[in-house]
Protein backbone atom coordinates (compact mmCIF):
# COMPACT_ATOMS: atom_id res chain seq x y z
CA MET A 1 0.06 -0.02 -0.05
CA ASN A 2 1.60 3.39 -0.77
CA THR A 3 2.22 5.97 1.76
CA ARG A 4 -0.30 8.22 0.49
CA LEU A 5 -3.34 5.92 0.59
CA SER A 6 -2.22 4.70 4.27
CA ASP A 7 -2.07 8.30 5.36
CA LEU A 8 -5.57 8.97 4.10
CA LEU A 9 -6.94 5.78 5.52
CA TRP A 10 -5.31 6.72 8.98
CA GLU A 11 -6.83 10.32 8.97
CA HIS A 12 -10.34 9.22 7.72
CA ASP A 13 -10.83 6.35 9.73
CA PRO A 14 -13.94 6.78 12.09
CA ASN A 15 -12.10 4.84 14.90
CA GLY A 16 -9.93 6.48 17.10
CA LEU A 17 -6.19 5.37 16.56
CA LEU A 18 -3.25 5.56 18.95
CA VAL A 19 0.10 4.47 19.11
CA VAL A 20 2.25 4.57 22.10
CA ASN A 21 5.92 3.99 22.84
CA ARG A 22 7.42 1.98 25.51
CA ARG A 23 7.21 4.85 28.03
CA LEU A 24 3.49 4.80 26.99
CA GLU A 25 3.77 8.44 25.62
CA VAL A 26 1.59 9.06 22.86
CA HIS A 27 3.41 8.60 19.52
CA MET A 28 0.71 9.05 16.87
CA VAL A 29 -2.97 9.66 16.86
CA ASN A 30 -5.65 10.01 14.15
CA GLN A 31 -8.36 12.79 13.91
CA ALA A 32 -10.99 10.47 15.21
CA PHE A 33 -8.95 9.88 18.43
CA CYS A 34 -8.77 13.48 19.07
CA ARG A 35 -12.30 14.16 18.56
CA PHE A 36 -13.52 11.47 21.05
CA PHE A 37 -11.28 12.93 23.57
CA LYS A 38 -11.60 16.46 22.76
CA THR A 39 -7.99 17.25 22.29
CA THR A 40 -5.54 18.08 19.27
CA ARG A 41 -2.53 16.35 18.04
CA GLU A 42 -0.28 19.12 19.47
CA GLU A 43 -1.80 19.04 22.72
CA ILE A 44 -1.22 14.94 23.24
CA LEU A 45 1.85 14.13 21.44
CA GLY A 46 4.58 13.05 23.54
CA ARG A 47 2.45 13.12 26.60
CA PRO A 48 1.58 10.00 28.54
CA ALA A 49 -1.33 8.11 27.25
CA ALA A 50 -2.83 7.59 30.76
CA GLU A 51 -3.53 11.30 31.23
CA LEU A 52 -5.99 11.28 28.65
CA ILE A 53 -7.51 7.39 28.47
CA GLY A 54 -6.93 6.58 32.07
CA ASP A 55 -6.15 2.52 32.50
CA VAL A 56 -3.28 1.74 30.25
CA SER A 57 -2.51 -1.77 31.76
CA ASP A 58 -3.75 -3.42 28.38
CA PHE A 59 -1.00 -1.57 26.79
CA GLU A 60 1.68 -2.53 29.38
CA GLN A 61 0.66 -6.20 28.80
CA ALA A 62 1.07 -6.04 25.18
CA PHE A 63 4.48 -4.90 25.80
CA GLU A 64 5.15 -7.69 28.05
CA VAL A 65 3.44 -10.32 26.07
CA GLY A 66 4.07 -9.21 22.52
CA GLY A 67 1.83 -9.53 19.57
CA GLU A 68 -1.16 -10.39 21.39
CA ILE A 69 -4.58 -8.37 20.95
CA ARG A 70 -6.20 -7.36 24.03
CA ARG A 71 -9.94 -6.45 23.72
CA SER A 72 -11.68 -4.49 26.23
CA GLU A 73 -14.36 -1.97 26.72
CA HIS A 74 -14.00 1.32 28.68
CA THR A 75 -16.31 4.00 29.81
CA HIS A 76 -14.82 7.48 30.01
CA ARG A 77 -17.58 9.54 31.70
CA GLU A 78 -15.46 12.84 31.57
CA PHE A 79 -15.82 12.53 27.78
CA ASP A 80 -19.25 10.75 27.76
CA LEU A 81 -18.07 7.98 25.78
CA ARG A 82 -18.12 4.22 25.66
CA LEU A 83 -15.21 2.60 23.72
CA HIS A 84 -14.14 -0.86 22.68
CA ARG A 85 -10.45 -0.87 22.60
CA LEU A 86 -8.22 -3.30 20.74
CA VAL A 87 -4.55 -3.27 21.63
CA PHE A 88 -1.86 -4.94 19.79
CA THR A 89 2.32 -4.24 19.57
CA VAL A 90 3.79 -3.26 16.52
CA PRO A 91 7.14 -5.22 17.20
CA GLU A 92 9.19 -3.73 14.21
CA GLU A 93 8.58 -0.08 15.60
CA ASP A 94 8.68 -1.30 19.29
CA LYS A 95 5.28 0.10 19.84
CA VAL A 96 1.70 -0.69 20.89
CA ALA A 97 -1.15 0.31 18.98
CA ALA A 98 -4.83 0.72 19.81
CA ILE A 99 -8.07 1.04 17.91
CA PHE A 100 -10.94 2.57 19.70
CA VAL A 101 -14.30 1.72 18.44
CA ASP A 102 -17.08 4.10 19.39
CA LEU A 103 -20.01 2.16 21.32
CA THR A 104 -21.46 5.58 22.95
CA ARG A 105 -24.74 5.44 20.83
CA GLU A 106 -25.45 1.85 21.75
CA TRP A 107 -24.21 2.37 25.48
CA LYS A 108 -26.65 5.53 25.87
CA GLN A 109 -29.56 3.77 24.10
CA ARG A 110 -29.10 0.57 26.73
CA ARG A 111 -28.87 3.14 29.42
CA GLN A 112 -32.13 4.75 28.37
CA LEU A 113 -33.90 1.43 27.68
CA VAL A 114 -32.96 0.58 31.48
CA GLU A 115 -34.12 3.80 32.66
CA LEU A 116 -37.40 3.55 30.84
CA ARG A 117 -37.72 -0.14 32.33
CA GLU A 118 -37.08 1.12 35.67
CA LYS A 119 -39.70 4.11 35.20
CA LEU A 120 -42.06 1.79 33.66
CA ALA A 121 -41.61 -0.81 36.81
CA LYS A 122 -42.23 2.01 39.15
CA ASP A 123 -45.39 3.09 37.52
CA VAL A 124 -46.68 -0.35 37.36
CA ARG A 125 -45.98 -0.63 41.13
CA ASP A 126 -47.70 2.77 41.72
CA VAL A 127 -50.71 1.56 39.85
CA VAL A 128 -51.00 -1.49 41.72
CA ASP A 129 -50.83 0.00 45.03
CA ARG A 130 -53.37 2.62 44.25
CA GLN A 131 -55.80 -0.09 42.68
CA MET A 132 -55.03 -2.06 46.00
CA SER A 133 -55.79 0.81 48.15
CA VAL A 134 -58.78 1.41 46.22
CA ALA A 135 -59.95 -2.21 46.47
CA GLN A 136 -59.23 -2.22 50.33
CA GLU A 137 -61.51 1.05 50.65
CA ILE A 138 -64.32 -0.60 48.64
CA ALA A 139 -64.14 -3.54 50.71
CA GLY A 140 -64.20 -1.65 53.69
CA LEU A 141 -67.35 0.28 52.66
CA LEU A 142 -68.77 -2.78 51.56
CA GLY A 143 -68.34 -4.62 54.60
CA GLU A 144 -69.68 -1.56 56.53
CA ALA A 145 -72.80 -1.32 54.51
CA THR A 146 -73.13 -5.10 55.04
CA ALA A 147 -72.92 -4.71 58.60
CA THR A 148 -75.41 -1.93 58.69
CA THR A 149 -77.77 -3.82 56.66
CA LYS A 150 -77.47 -6.82 59.02
CA VAL A 151 -77.93 -4.79 61.98
CA ALA A 152 -81.19 -3.02 60.41
CA LEU A 153 -82.66 -6.34 59.28
CA LEU A 154 -82.00 -8.07 62.75
CA ARG A 155 -83.68 -5.21 64.50
CA LEU A 156 -86.70 -5.78 61.91
CA LEU A 157 -86.72 -9.44 62.52
CA ASP A 158 -86.51 -8.79 66.11
CA SER A 159 -89.31 -6.46 65.88
CA ILE A 160 -91.57 -8.62 63.80
CA GLU A 161 -90.95 -11.55 66.41
CA ARG A 162 -92.03 -9.27 69.27
CA GLU A 163 -95.00 -8.30 67.39
CA ARG A 164 -96.16 -12.10 67.29
CA GLU A 165 -95.79 -12.70 70.63
C-alpha cells in the first residue's frame, strides 16, 4: 500500500487510532481519536497516554506479552464515551497501537432502555398500589354497608318476632 493511501486511511478512519512508545507516551493519533477525547494532536503528542485514556494496563501487558490483541471496553464518563479497545504490538517499531471503536450511541440507548424499564416498573407498582388501596377502601365500605344492613335486618326481624308474641 502506498504511503499516501495509508495516510488517507489513517486520517479518515472513523475509529480512534493511537500509538504509544515503550514509556506509554503518545507517539501518533488520528483525528477521530482527538475528536473522541476533545483534544488536538499537538496537545497530546509526547504526553503520557494515561493522562487522557486512564487505564493503560492492557498497553503494558501488550509490551510484556507481545503480538497479542487485548480487547476491552472502557467508559470515559468525563468525555461521555463508551469505547471498545483493541490493543496490539507493532514489534518492528517497538510500539503498541490501539483501535478505539465508538460504542457510545449503543451504550446510551441501553442506558435509556434501562431507565425506561425502571420508570415503567415504578409506574406499574404505583398503579397496583393505588388499585389495592381503592379495592381495600371499597371492601371496607362494602363491609360497613353489609354490617349496617345486617343490624337493620336483625332489628326488623326482632321487631316482627316481638309483635307476634
